[in-house]
N, C-alpha and C. Protein backbone atom coordinates (compact mmCIF):
# COMPACT_ATOMS: atom_id res chain seq x y z
N MET A 1 158.61 221.90 53.53
CA MET A 1 158.45 223.16 54.33
C MET A 1 158.15 224.33 53.27
N SER A 2 157.17 225.14 53.64
CA SER A 2 156.55 226.12 52.78
C SER A 2 157.59 227.21 52.57
N ASP A 3 157.55 227.73 51.34
CA ASP A 3 158.52 228.94 50.92
C ASP A 3 157.86 230.22 51.52
N VAL A 4 156.56 230.14 51.87
CA VAL A 4 155.93 231.33 52.35
C VAL A 4 156.04 231.44 53.91
N PRO A 5 156.75 232.41 54.31
CA PRO A 5 157.00 232.53 55.81
C PRO A 5 155.71 232.47 56.59
N GLU A 6 155.86 231.72 57.74
CA GLU A 6 154.75 231.66 58.67
C GLU A 6 154.69 232.95 59.47
N PRO A 7 153.40 233.32 59.93
CA PRO A 7 153.29 234.47 60.83
C PRO A 7 154.20 234.28 61.99
N PRO A 8 154.56 235.29 62.69
CA PRO A 8 155.33 235.22 63.97
C PRO A 8 154.58 234.31 64.91
N PRO A 9 155.33 233.75 65.86
CA PRO A 9 154.74 232.71 66.73
C PRO A 9 153.56 233.49 67.54
N GLU A 10 152.44 232.76 67.49
CA GLU A 10 151.19 233.51 67.95
C GLU A 10 151.16 233.74 69.42
N GLN A 11 151.74 232.82 70.27
CA GLN A 11 151.56 233.06 71.69
C GLN A 11 152.31 234.33 72.10
N VAL A 12 153.55 234.40 71.56
CA VAL A 12 154.41 235.67 71.84
C VAL A 12 153.52 236.91 71.44
N SER A 13 152.88 236.84 70.23
CA SER A 13 152.24 238.02 69.71
C SER A 13 150.96 238.25 70.58
N LEU A 14 150.36 237.27 71.04
CA LEU A 14 149.11 237.43 71.89
C LEU A 14 149.47 238.04 73.31
N ASP A 15 150.82 237.66 73.84
CA ASP A 15 151.16 238.25 75.07
C ASP A 15 151.41 239.72 74.82
N LEU A 16 152.01 240.10 73.67
CA LEU A 16 152.25 241.55 73.25
C LEU A 16 150.93 242.23 73.23
N VAL A 17 149.91 241.58 72.54
CA VAL A 17 148.63 242.23 72.44
C VAL A 17 148.04 242.57 73.84
N ALA A 18 148.15 241.55 74.77
CA ALA A 18 147.73 241.81 76.16
C ALA A 18 148.36 242.97 76.70
N ARG A 19 149.69 243.10 76.54
CA ARG A 19 150.37 244.21 77.05
C ARG A 19 149.99 245.47 76.47
N LEU A 20 149.81 245.37 75.09
CA LEU A 20 149.22 246.67 74.44
C LEU A 20 147.98 247.11 74.94
N GLN A 21 147.00 246.17 75.21
CA GLN A 21 145.69 246.46 75.71
C GLN A 21 145.76 247.03 77.20
N ASP A 22 146.89 246.85 77.84
CA ASP A 22 147.12 247.38 79.17
C ASP A 22 147.91 248.73 79.05
N GLY A 23 148.05 249.14 77.76
CA GLY A 23 148.68 250.52 77.60
C GLY A 23 150.25 250.60 77.49
N ASP A 24 150.80 249.29 77.24
CA ASP A 24 152.30 249.27 77.10
C ASP A 24 152.78 249.74 75.77
N ARG A 25 153.28 250.86 75.65
CA ARG A 25 153.80 251.38 74.35
C ARG A 25 154.79 250.53 73.72
N ASP A 26 155.79 249.95 74.49
CA ASP A 26 156.82 249.16 74.00
C ASP A 26 156.24 247.95 73.20
N ALA A 27 155.09 247.38 73.70
CA ALA A 27 154.61 246.35 73.07
C ALA A 27 154.08 246.73 71.57
N PHE A 28 153.55 247.87 71.47
CA PHE A 28 153.07 248.49 70.27
C PHE A 28 154.24 248.38 69.23
N GLU A 29 155.41 248.94 69.64
CA GLU A 29 156.53 249.03 68.70
C GLU A 29 157.03 247.70 68.38
N GLU A 30 157.03 246.67 69.30
CA GLU A 30 157.54 245.37 69.07
C GLU A 30 156.67 244.65 68.06
N LEU A 31 155.33 244.76 68.32
CA LEU A 31 154.37 244.16 67.38
C LEU A 31 154.58 244.74 65.97
N TYR A 32 154.75 245.94 65.82
CA TYR A 32 154.90 246.58 64.44
C TYR A 32 156.12 246.00 63.75
N ARG A 33 157.25 245.90 64.54
CA ARG A 33 158.44 245.25 63.89
C ARG A 33 158.16 243.79 63.56
N ARG A 34 157.52 243.06 64.46
CA ARG A 34 157.24 241.64 64.13
C ARG A 34 156.40 241.38 62.96
N TYR A 35 155.45 242.31 62.66
CA TYR A 35 154.52 242.10 61.44
C TYR A 35 154.80 242.95 60.37
N HIS A 36 155.84 243.77 60.35
CA HIS A 36 156.13 244.68 59.36
C HIS A 36 156.12 244.00 57.98
N ASP A 37 157.03 243.05 57.90
CA ASP A 37 157.24 242.33 56.50
C ASP A 37 156.00 241.57 56.10
N GLN A 38 155.27 240.96 56.95
CA GLN A 38 154.04 240.17 56.73
C GLN A 38 152.98 241.20 56.14
N LEU A 39 152.83 242.30 56.80
CA LEU A 39 151.83 243.27 56.35
C LEU A 39 152.26 243.84 55.09
N LEU A 40 153.58 244.16 54.94
CA LEU A 40 153.96 244.82 53.64
C LEU A 40 153.75 243.86 52.54
N LEU A 41 153.96 242.68 52.75
CA LEU A 41 153.80 241.65 51.57
C LEU A 41 152.32 241.59 51.27
N VAL A 42 151.45 241.46 52.16
CA VAL A 42 150.05 241.41 51.82
C VAL A 42 149.63 242.74 51.10
N VAL A 43 150.10 243.93 51.59
CA VAL A 43 149.86 245.09 50.87
C VAL A 43 150.26 245.14 49.43
N ARG A 44 151.47 244.75 49.21
CA ARG A 44 152.09 244.85 47.85
C ARG A 44 151.49 243.85 46.92
N MET A 45 151.06 242.72 47.46
CA MET A 45 150.38 241.67 46.58
C MET A 45 148.88 241.94 46.32
N ARG A 46 148.23 242.83 46.97
CA ARG A 46 146.84 243.06 46.85
C ARG A 46 146.54 244.44 46.17
N LEU A 47 147.52 245.20 45.81
CA LEU A 47 147.29 246.50 45.10
C LEU A 47 147.44 246.46 43.68
N GLY A 48 146.56 247.23 43.06
CA GLY A 48 146.65 247.46 41.56
C GLY A 48 147.72 248.44 41.36
N PRO A 49 148.28 248.63 40.15
CA PRO A 49 149.53 249.43 39.87
C PRO A 49 149.22 250.99 40.31
N GLY A 50 148.01 251.53 40.06
CA GLY A 50 147.87 252.82 40.41
C GLY A 50 147.81 253.13 41.90
N LEU A 51 146.95 252.37 42.51
CA LEU A 51 146.93 252.52 44.02
C LEU A 51 148.16 252.12 44.65
N ARG A 52 148.94 251.11 44.15
CA ARG A 52 150.18 250.67 44.69
C ARG A 52 151.22 251.85 44.66
N ARG A 53 151.18 252.68 43.58
CA ARG A 53 152.04 253.76 43.35
C ARG A 53 151.92 254.80 44.39
N TRP A 54 150.59 255.07 44.72
CA TRP A 54 150.39 255.97 45.67
C TRP A 54 150.67 255.60 47.18
N LEU A 55 150.45 254.32 47.42
CA LEU A 55 150.77 253.84 48.71
C LEU A 55 152.13 253.25 48.97
N GLN A 56 153.06 253.67 47.96
CA GLN A 56 154.41 253.07 48.20
C GLN A 56 155.32 253.94 49.09
N SER A 57 154.73 255.16 49.54
CA SER A 57 155.45 255.88 50.54
C SER A 57 155.58 255.09 51.79
N GLU A 58 156.79 255.07 52.41
CA GLU A 58 156.98 254.48 53.73
C GLU A 58 156.12 255.02 54.81
N ASP A 59 155.96 256.34 54.72
CA ASP A 59 155.11 257.02 55.74
C ASP A 59 153.65 256.60 55.69
N ILE A 60 153.11 256.37 54.44
CA ILE A 60 151.75 255.89 54.28
C ILE A 60 151.65 254.58 54.72
N PHE A 61 152.53 253.69 54.43
CA PHE A 61 152.47 252.29 54.89
C PHE A 61 152.48 252.18 56.38
N GLN A 62 153.43 252.99 56.94
CA GLN A 62 153.58 253.04 58.40
C GLN A 62 152.19 253.36 59.07
N SER A 63 151.65 254.45 58.50
CA SER A 63 150.43 254.96 58.99
C SER A 63 149.29 253.91 58.89
N VAL A 64 149.17 253.18 57.84
CA VAL A 64 148.17 252.21 57.57
C VAL A 64 148.33 251.04 58.55
N ALA A 65 149.62 250.58 58.70
CA ALA A 65 149.90 249.48 59.56
C ALA A 65 149.67 249.91 61.03
N ARG A 66 150.10 251.11 61.42
CA ARG A 66 149.89 251.52 62.78
C ARG A 66 148.41 251.74 63.09
N ASP A 67 147.60 252.16 62.15
CA ASP A 67 146.29 252.27 62.36
C ASP A 67 145.62 250.81 62.73
N ALA A 68 146.10 249.83 61.93
CA ALA A 68 145.65 248.51 62.18
C ALA A 68 146.00 248.07 63.60
N LEU A 69 147.24 248.34 64.02
CA LEU A 69 147.75 247.93 65.32
C LEU A 69 146.96 248.80 66.45
N THR A 70 146.57 249.95 66.11
CA THR A 70 145.87 250.78 67.12
C THR A 70 144.54 250.15 67.51
N ALA A 71 144.00 249.38 66.47
CA ALA A 71 142.75 248.58 66.69
C ALA A 71 142.79 247.48 67.56
N LEU A 72 144.02 247.04 67.81
CA LEU A 72 144.20 245.80 68.57
C LEU A 72 143.52 245.76 69.91
N PRO A 73 143.30 246.80 70.73
CA PRO A 73 142.57 246.69 71.93
C PRO A 73 141.24 246.17 71.79
N ARG A 74 140.67 246.22 70.46
CA ARG A 74 139.34 245.66 70.29
C ARG A 74 139.37 244.20 69.78
N PHE A 75 140.61 243.69 69.62
CA PHE A 75 140.78 242.40 69.16
C PHE A 75 140.27 241.36 70.10
N GLU A 76 139.59 240.24 69.65
CA GLU A 76 139.13 239.13 70.44
C GLU A 76 139.67 237.88 69.76
N TYR A 77 140.29 237.06 70.57
CA TYR A 77 140.94 235.78 70.11
C TYR A 77 139.85 234.91 69.66
N ARG A 78 139.95 234.32 68.47
CA ARG A 78 138.96 233.37 68.04
C ARG A 78 139.61 232.06 67.53
N GLY A 79 140.78 231.73 67.98
CA GLY A 79 141.40 230.51 67.70
C GLY A 79 142.78 230.81 66.94
N PRO A 80 143.50 229.67 66.65
CA PRO A 80 144.75 229.76 66.04
C PRO A 80 144.67 230.60 64.69
N GLY A 81 145.60 231.48 64.51
CA GLY A 81 145.65 232.31 63.23
C GLY A 81 144.75 233.57 63.27
N SER A 82 143.89 233.65 64.22
CA SER A 82 143.05 234.78 64.20
C SER A 82 143.65 236.18 64.34
N LEU A 83 144.70 236.18 65.08
CA LEU A 83 145.44 237.50 65.19
C LEU A 83 146.06 237.96 63.84
N ASP A 84 146.66 236.90 63.16
CA ASP A 84 147.25 237.33 61.79
C ASP A 84 146.25 237.67 60.84
N ARG A 85 145.15 237.04 60.82
CA ARG A 85 143.99 237.30 60.00
C ARG A 85 143.46 238.72 60.26
N TYR A 86 143.31 239.00 61.56
CA TYR A 86 142.73 240.25 62.00
C TYR A 86 143.61 241.46 61.52
N LEU A 87 144.81 241.25 61.73
CA LEU A 87 145.75 242.37 61.32
C LEU A 87 145.75 242.66 59.74
N LYS A 88 145.87 241.42 59.06
CA LYS A 88 145.87 241.68 57.53
C LYS A 88 144.62 242.20 56.99
N THR A 89 143.50 241.71 57.57
CA THR A 89 142.19 242.29 57.18
C THR A 89 142.09 243.77 57.56
N MET A 90 142.50 244.12 58.77
CA MET A 90 142.54 245.63 59.06
C MET A 90 143.34 246.42 58.12
N VAL A 91 144.53 245.92 57.79
CA VAL A 91 145.38 246.71 56.93
C VAL A 91 144.75 246.82 55.45
N LEU A 92 144.15 245.77 54.95
CA LEU A 92 143.51 245.80 53.62
C LEU A 92 142.32 246.74 53.69
N ASN A 93 141.62 246.73 54.75
CA ASN A 93 140.38 247.57 54.91
C ASN A 93 140.83 249.05 55.02
N LYS A 94 141.94 249.29 55.72
CA LYS A 94 142.35 250.67 55.82
C LYS A 94 142.94 251.24 54.48
N ILE A 95 143.50 250.33 53.71
CA ILE A 95 143.87 250.71 52.37
C ILE A 95 142.74 251.05 51.45
N ARG A 96 141.64 250.26 51.54
CA ARG A 96 140.48 250.50 50.72
C ARG A 96 139.86 251.82 51.17
N ASP A 97 139.79 252.03 52.53
CA ASP A 97 139.21 253.34 52.96
C ASP A 97 139.98 254.40 52.38
N ARG A 98 141.25 254.49 52.50
CA ARG A 98 142.12 255.47 51.96
C ARG A 98 141.99 255.69 50.47
N ALA A 99 141.96 254.56 49.78
CA ALA A 99 141.76 254.54 48.27
C ALA A 99 140.36 255.30 47.92
N ASP A 100 139.40 254.97 48.64
CA ASP A 100 138.04 255.55 48.44
C ASP A 100 138.09 257.06 48.71
N THR A 101 138.76 257.39 49.74
CA THR A 101 138.88 258.85 50.10
C THR A 101 139.74 259.53 49.11
N PHE A 102 140.88 258.96 48.71
CA PHE A 102 141.76 259.58 47.71
C PHE A 102 140.95 259.77 46.39
N GLY A 103 140.30 258.63 45.98
CA GLY A 103 139.49 258.66 44.72
C GLY A 103 138.44 259.79 44.70
N ALA A 104 137.75 259.95 45.85
CA ALA A 104 136.71 260.99 45.86
C ALA A 104 137.34 262.33 45.83
N ARG A 105 138.47 262.63 46.52
CA ARG A 105 139.09 263.92 46.51
C ARG A 105 139.61 264.27 45.04
N LYS A 106 140.07 263.11 44.46
CA LYS A 106 140.78 263.35 43.10
C LYS A 106 139.70 263.70 42.17
N ARG A 107 138.43 263.06 42.26
CA ARG A 107 137.34 263.35 41.34
C ARG A 107 136.79 264.76 41.55
N SER A 108 136.86 265.24 42.82
CA SER A 108 136.29 266.50 43.13
C SER A 108 137.27 267.64 42.80
N GLY A 109 138.64 267.30 42.36
CA GLY A 109 139.56 268.31 42.02
C GLY A 109 140.42 268.72 43.19
N GLY A 110 140.23 268.05 44.35
CA GLY A 110 141.04 268.35 45.52
C GLY A 110 142.36 267.69 45.64
N VAL A 111 142.83 266.89 44.63
CA VAL A 111 144.15 266.24 44.71
C VAL A 111 144.77 266.48 43.42
N PRO A 112 145.49 267.60 43.19
CA PRO A 112 146.11 267.89 41.93
C PRO A 112 147.47 267.32 41.72
N LEU A 113 147.56 265.96 41.98
CA LEU A 113 148.82 265.36 41.89
C LEU A 113 148.94 264.73 40.43
N THR A 114 150.11 264.87 39.90
CA THR A 114 150.31 264.26 38.50
C THR A 114 150.87 262.84 38.77
N GLU A 115 150.77 262.01 37.69
CA GLU A 115 151.43 260.63 37.78
C GLU A 115 152.89 260.82 37.94
N ALA A 116 153.52 261.75 37.29
CA ALA A 116 154.97 261.97 37.61
C ALA A 116 155.34 262.19 39.00
N HIS A 117 154.40 263.12 39.67
CA HIS A 117 154.64 263.42 41.14
C HIS A 117 154.52 262.02 41.95
N LEU A 118 153.48 261.28 41.68
CA LEU A 118 153.34 260.09 42.41
C LEU A 118 154.43 259.09 42.23
N ASP A 119 155.01 258.98 41.00
CA ASP A 119 156.18 258.17 40.77
C ASP A 119 157.40 258.69 41.53
N SER A 120 157.47 260.02 41.62
CA SER A 120 158.63 260.49 42.35
C SER A 120 158.59 260.27 43.89
N ILE A 121 157.31 260.39 44.41
CA ILE A 121 157.16 260.00 45.77
C ILE A 121 157.53 258.62 46.13
N ALA A 122 157.01 257.75 45.21
CA ALA A 122 157.33 256.17 45.40
C ALA A 122 158.85 255.87 45.23
N ALA A 123 159.48 256.55 44.26
CA ALA A 123 160.91 256.26 44.06
C ALA A 123 161.79 256.76 45.23
N GLU A 124 161.35 258.00 45.94
CA GLU A 124 162.20 258.54 46.95
C GLU A 124 161.94 257.77 48.21
N ASP A 125 160.82 257.22 48.55
CA ASP A 125 160.66 256.71 49.89
C ASP A 125 159.78 255.38 49.88
N GLU A 126 160.17 254.47 48.91
CA GLU A 126 159.39 253.28 48.87
C GLU A 126 159.74 252.39 50.14
N PRO A 127 158.68 251.71 50.68
CA PRO A 127 158.84 251.01 51.90
C PRO A 127 159.71 249.76 51.54
N ARG A 128 160.54 249.35 52.50
CA ARG A 128 161.41 248.27 52.26
C ARG A 128 161.10 247.19 53.26
N TYR A 129 161.27 245.88 52.87
CA TYR A 129 161.12 244.78 53.87
C TYR A 129 162.36 244.87 54.80
N LEU A 130 162.10 244.60 56.15
CA LEU A 130 163.20 244.41 57.03
C LEU A 130 164.09 243.33 56.70
N ASP A 131 163.42 242.30 56.33
CA ASP A 131 164.14 241.00 55.80
C ASP A 131 164.04 240.92 54.20
N ASP A 132 164.65 241.82 53.56
CA ASP A 132 164.50 241.87 52.07
C ASP A 132 164.98 240.66 51.38
N ALA A 133 165.94 240.04 51.90
CA ALA A 133 166.53 238.79 51.21
C ALA A 133 165.48 237.78 51.21
N ARG A 134 164.66 237.69 52.18
CA ARG A 134 163.62 236.67 52.16
C ARG A 134 162.32 237.14 51.62
N PHE A 135 161.85 238.23 52.07
CA PHE A 135 160.42 238.71 51.59
C PHE A 135 160.53 239.35 50.18
N GLY A 136 161.56 240.10 49.94
CA GLY A 136 161.73 240.64 48.57
C GLY A 136 161.81 239.60 47.54
N ARG A 137 162.55 238.59 47.74
CA ARG A 137 162.72 237.46 46.82
C ARG A 137 161.31 236.76 46.68
N LEU A 138 160.64 236.55 47.76
CA LEU A 138 159.36 235.79 47.77
C LEU A 138 158.32 236.59 47.01
N GLU A 139 158.33 237.87 47.11
CA GLU A 139 157.44 238.76 46.28
C GLU A 139 157.71 238.59 44.80
N ARG A 140 159.04 238.68 44.49
CA ARG A 140 159.31 238.57 43.05
C ARG A 140 158.91 237.22 42.45
N CYS A 141 159.15 236.18 43.21
CA CYS A 141 158.79 234.81 42.84
C CYS A 141 157.26 234.65 42.73
N LEU A 142 156.42 235.15 43.63
CA LEU A 142 155.08 235.18 43.69
C LEU A 142 154.56 235.77 42.35
N ARG A 143 155.16 236.94 42.04
CA ARG A 143 154.68 237.77 40.76
C ARG A 143 155.02 237.03 39.50
N ALA A 144 155.96 235.99 39.62
CA ALA A 144 156.39 235.19 38.47
C ALA A 144 155.51 233.98 38.22
N LEU A 145 154.53 233.77 39.09
CA LEU A 145 153.58 232.72 39.05
C LEU A 145 152.52 233.10 38.06
N PRO A 146 151.84 232.02 37.36
CA PRO A 146 150.69 232.41 36.55
C PRO A 146 149.65 232.97 37.44
N ASP A 147 148.83 233.93 36.86
CA ASP A 147 147.84 234.78 37.59
C ASP A 147 146.95 233.95 38.53
N ASP A 148 146.43 232.88 37.85
CA ASP A 148 145.41 232.13 38.63
C ASP A 148 146.05 231.32 39.86
N LEU A 149 147.23 230.90 39.74
CA LEU A 149 147.93 230.15 40.76
C LEU A 149 148.34 231.21 41.84
N ARG A 150 148.90 232.36 41.39
CA ARG A 150 149.23 233.32 42.34
C ARG A 150 148.10 233.83 43.17
N GLU A 151 146.93 233.99 42.60
CA GLU A 151 145.69 234.37 43.34
C GLU A 151 145.37 233.46 44.41
N VAL A 152 145.37 232.23 44.03
CA VAL A 152 145.09 231.21 45.13
C VAL A 152 146.06 231.09 46.15
N LEU A 153 147.41 231.27 45.83
CA LEU A 153 148.43 231.11 46.86
C LEU A 153 148.42 232.28 47.68
N VAL A 154 148.15 233.41 47.20
CA VAL A 154 148.15 234.75 47.99
C VAL A 154 147.05 234.65 49.00
N LEU A 155 145.90 234.24 48.53
CA LEU A 155 144.70 234.18 49.48
C LEU A 155 144.90 233.16 50.53
N ARG A 156 145.49 231.86 50.12
CA ARG A 156 145.58 230.90 51.09
C ARG A 156 146.81 231.08 51.99
N LYS A 157 147.96 231.40 51.55
CA LYS A 157 149.17 231.42 52.38
C LYS A 157 149.64 232.81 52.82
N VAL A 158 149.29 233.85 52.12
CA VAL A 158 149.67 235.25 52.38
C VAL A 158 148.62 235.84 53.29
N GLU A 159 147.35 235.77 52.90
CA GLU A 159 146.24 236.37 53.61
C GLU A 159 145.70 235.42 54.67
N GLY A 160 146.10 234.11 54.51
CA GLY A 160 145.62 233.13 55.53
C GLY A 160 144.26 232.65 55.49
N LEU A 161 143.55 232.68 54.32
CA LEU A 161 142.25 232.24 54.31
C LEU A 161 142.17 230.71 54.25
N SER A 162 141.20 230.08 54.72
CA SER A 162 141.02 228.53 54.52
C SER A 162 140.73 228.24 53.13
N SER A 163 140.96 227.05 52.75
CA SER A 163 140.72 226.57 51.36
C SER A 163 139.29 226.74 51.04
N ARG A 164 138.32 226.61 52.00
CA ARG A 164 136.89 226.72 51.81
C ARG A 164 136.59 228.28 51.49
N GLU A 165 137.27 229.12 52.26
CA GLU A 165 137.08 230.62 52.04
C GLU A 165 137.62 230.98 50.59
N VAL A 166 138.77 230.47 50.32
CA VAL A 166 139.31 230.74 49.01
C VAL A 166 138.44 230.29 47.81
N ALA A 167 137.84 229.08 48.01
CA ALA A 167 136.88 228.53 47.07
C ALA A 167 135.63 229.41 46.93
N GLU A 168 135.17 229.94 47.95
CA GLU A 168 133.99 230.78 47.93
C GLU A 168 134.46 232.08 47.23
N ARG A 169 135.57 232.67 47.54
CA ARG A 169 136.09 233.88 46.94
C ARG A 169 136.33 233.78 45.44
N THR A 170 136.79 232.68 44.96
CA THR A 170 137.20 232.44 43.56
C THR A 170 136.24 231.70 42.75
N GLY A 171 135.20 231.18 43.36
CA GLY A 171 134.10 230.44 42.64
C GLY A 171 134.59 228.99 42.26
N ARG A 172 135.52 228.50 42.87
CA ARG A 172 136.07 227.12 42.62
C ARG A 172 135.54 226.21 43.78
N SER A 173 135.84 224.95 43.53
CA SER A 173 135.48 223.92 44.52
C SER A 173 136.62 223.96 45.52
N ASP A 174 136.31 223.35 46.73
CA ASP A 174 137.38 223.32 47.74
C ASP A 174 138.57 222.37 47.22
N ALA A 175 138.16 221.31 46.52
CA ALA A 175 139.15 220.33 46.07
C ALA A 175 139.98 221.05 44.92
N ALA A 176 139.33 221.86 44.12
CA ALA A 176 140.07 222.60 43.10
C ALA A 176 141.16 223.57 43.69
N VAL A 177 140.72 224.21 44.76
CA VAL A 177 141.57 225.12 45.46
C VAL A 177 142.78 224.39 45.94
N ARG A 178 142.49 223.37 46.60
CA ARG A 178 143.57 222.56 47.27
C ARG A 178 144.59 222.10 46.22
N LYS A 179 144.18 221.63 45.06
CA LYS A 179 144.99 221.18 44.06
C LYS A 179 145.81 222.32 43.44
N ALA A 180 145.04 223.52 43.21
CA ALA A 180 145.79 224.67 42.71
C ALA A 180 146.89 225.15 43.65
N CYS A 181 146.44 225.05 44.94
CA CYS A 181 147.51 225.56 45.97
C CYS A 181 148.77 224.72 45.91
N SER A 182 148.61 223.44 45.83
CA SER A 182 149.68 222.51 45.81
C SER A 182 150.60 222.81 44.59
N ARG A 183 149.87 222.97 43.45
CA ARG A 183 150.70 223.29 42.13
C ARG A 183 151.40 224.60 42.28
N ALA A 184 150.75 225.63 42.91
CA ALA A 184 151.42 226.92 43.18
C ALA A 184 152.56 226.89 44.10
N LEU A 185 152.44 226.05 45.07
CA LEU A 185 153.52 225.88 45.99
C LEU A 185 154.73 225.19 45.36
N ALA A 186 154.44 224.13 44.50
CA ALA A 186 155.46 223.40 43.80
C ALA A 186 156.29 224.32 42.88
N LYS A 187 155.48 225.11 42.10
CA LYS A 187 156.14 226.18 41.19
C LYS A 187 156.89 227.18 41.94
N LEU A 188 156.34 227.63 43.16
CA LEU A 188 157.02 228.64 43.91
C LEU A 188 158.38 228.15 44.43
N THR A 189 158.32 226.87 44.83
CA THR A 189 159.62 226.28 45.35
C THR A 189 160.68 226.18 44.29
N LEU A 190 160.27 225.85 43.13
CA LEU A 190 161.18 225.92 41.95
C LEU A 190 161.80 227.26 41.69
N LEU A 191 160.98 228.24 41.77
CA LEU A 191 161.43 229.68 41.49
C LEU A 191 162.36 230.06 42.63
N MET A 192 162.01 229.70 43.88
CA MET A 192 162.81 230.19 44.97
C MET A 192 164.18 229.50 44.97
N THR A 193 164.26 228.26 44.38
CA THR A 193 165.53 227.62 44.45
C THR A 193 166.30 227.78 43.18
N ASP A 194 165.66 228.31 42.10
CA ASP A 194 166.43 228.66 40.80
C ASP A 194 166.80 230.08 40.79
N GLY A 195 168.03 230.21 40.77
CA GLY A 195 168.65 231.67 40.66
C GLY A 195 168.10 232.47 39.53
N ASP A 196 167.65 231.70 38.51
CA ASP A 196 167.16 232.52 37.31
C ASP A 196 165.65 232.61 37.25
N GLY A 197 164.97 232.01 38.33
CA GLY A 197 163.52 231.95 38.27
C GLY A 197 162.84 233.25 38.43
N ALA A 198 163.47 234.15 39.34
CA ALA A 198 162.87 235.46 39.53
C ALA A 198 163.93 236.47 39.66
N PRO A 199 164.32 237.07 38.63
CA PRO A 199 165.54 237.82 38.76
C PRO A 199 165.29 239.14 39.59
N ASP A 200 166.41 239.58 40.30
CA ASP A 200 166.34 240.65 41.03
C ASP A 200 166.13 241.89 40.23
């Protein structure tokens, strides 16, 4: 059994999407709760230190995630896993858009924020996993993996890319990706079961 949590059951989520597309506000809130930890994990694993510091505000994360959910009326089902992929892609795209905007404003002198100020914002209002015992530990263990194995595992199991897509993204063969993913999962399992593997 994988140590990386599977996305929420897809049929239930698709039913919620259908309700959302019909204007059901409660479906929006339920989807947000269902995908909160999955989306926060992909955000935290894909950000560099500087951008991550800026996006650690719970308000900013909620805004990015809700922007992604707001786009769901345009979602078209394309087979198993397509909803999870759609949401994670939307979240990452929203982050990149905001990073570009933030960088442009900073270069033009329109964002007079200091590093200390950004650290203060993050420290006061850092987004938390709803299931921190599971997702918080998973994140720490993922970060304890060697860089190359972590990259493959995050792309394959967190972002949900196929092994062929990961191969194209990383410049490896499909067979090499599958082998690296198996090694990464084995190391992750050891870290997750070893109390000293990824300290709190």
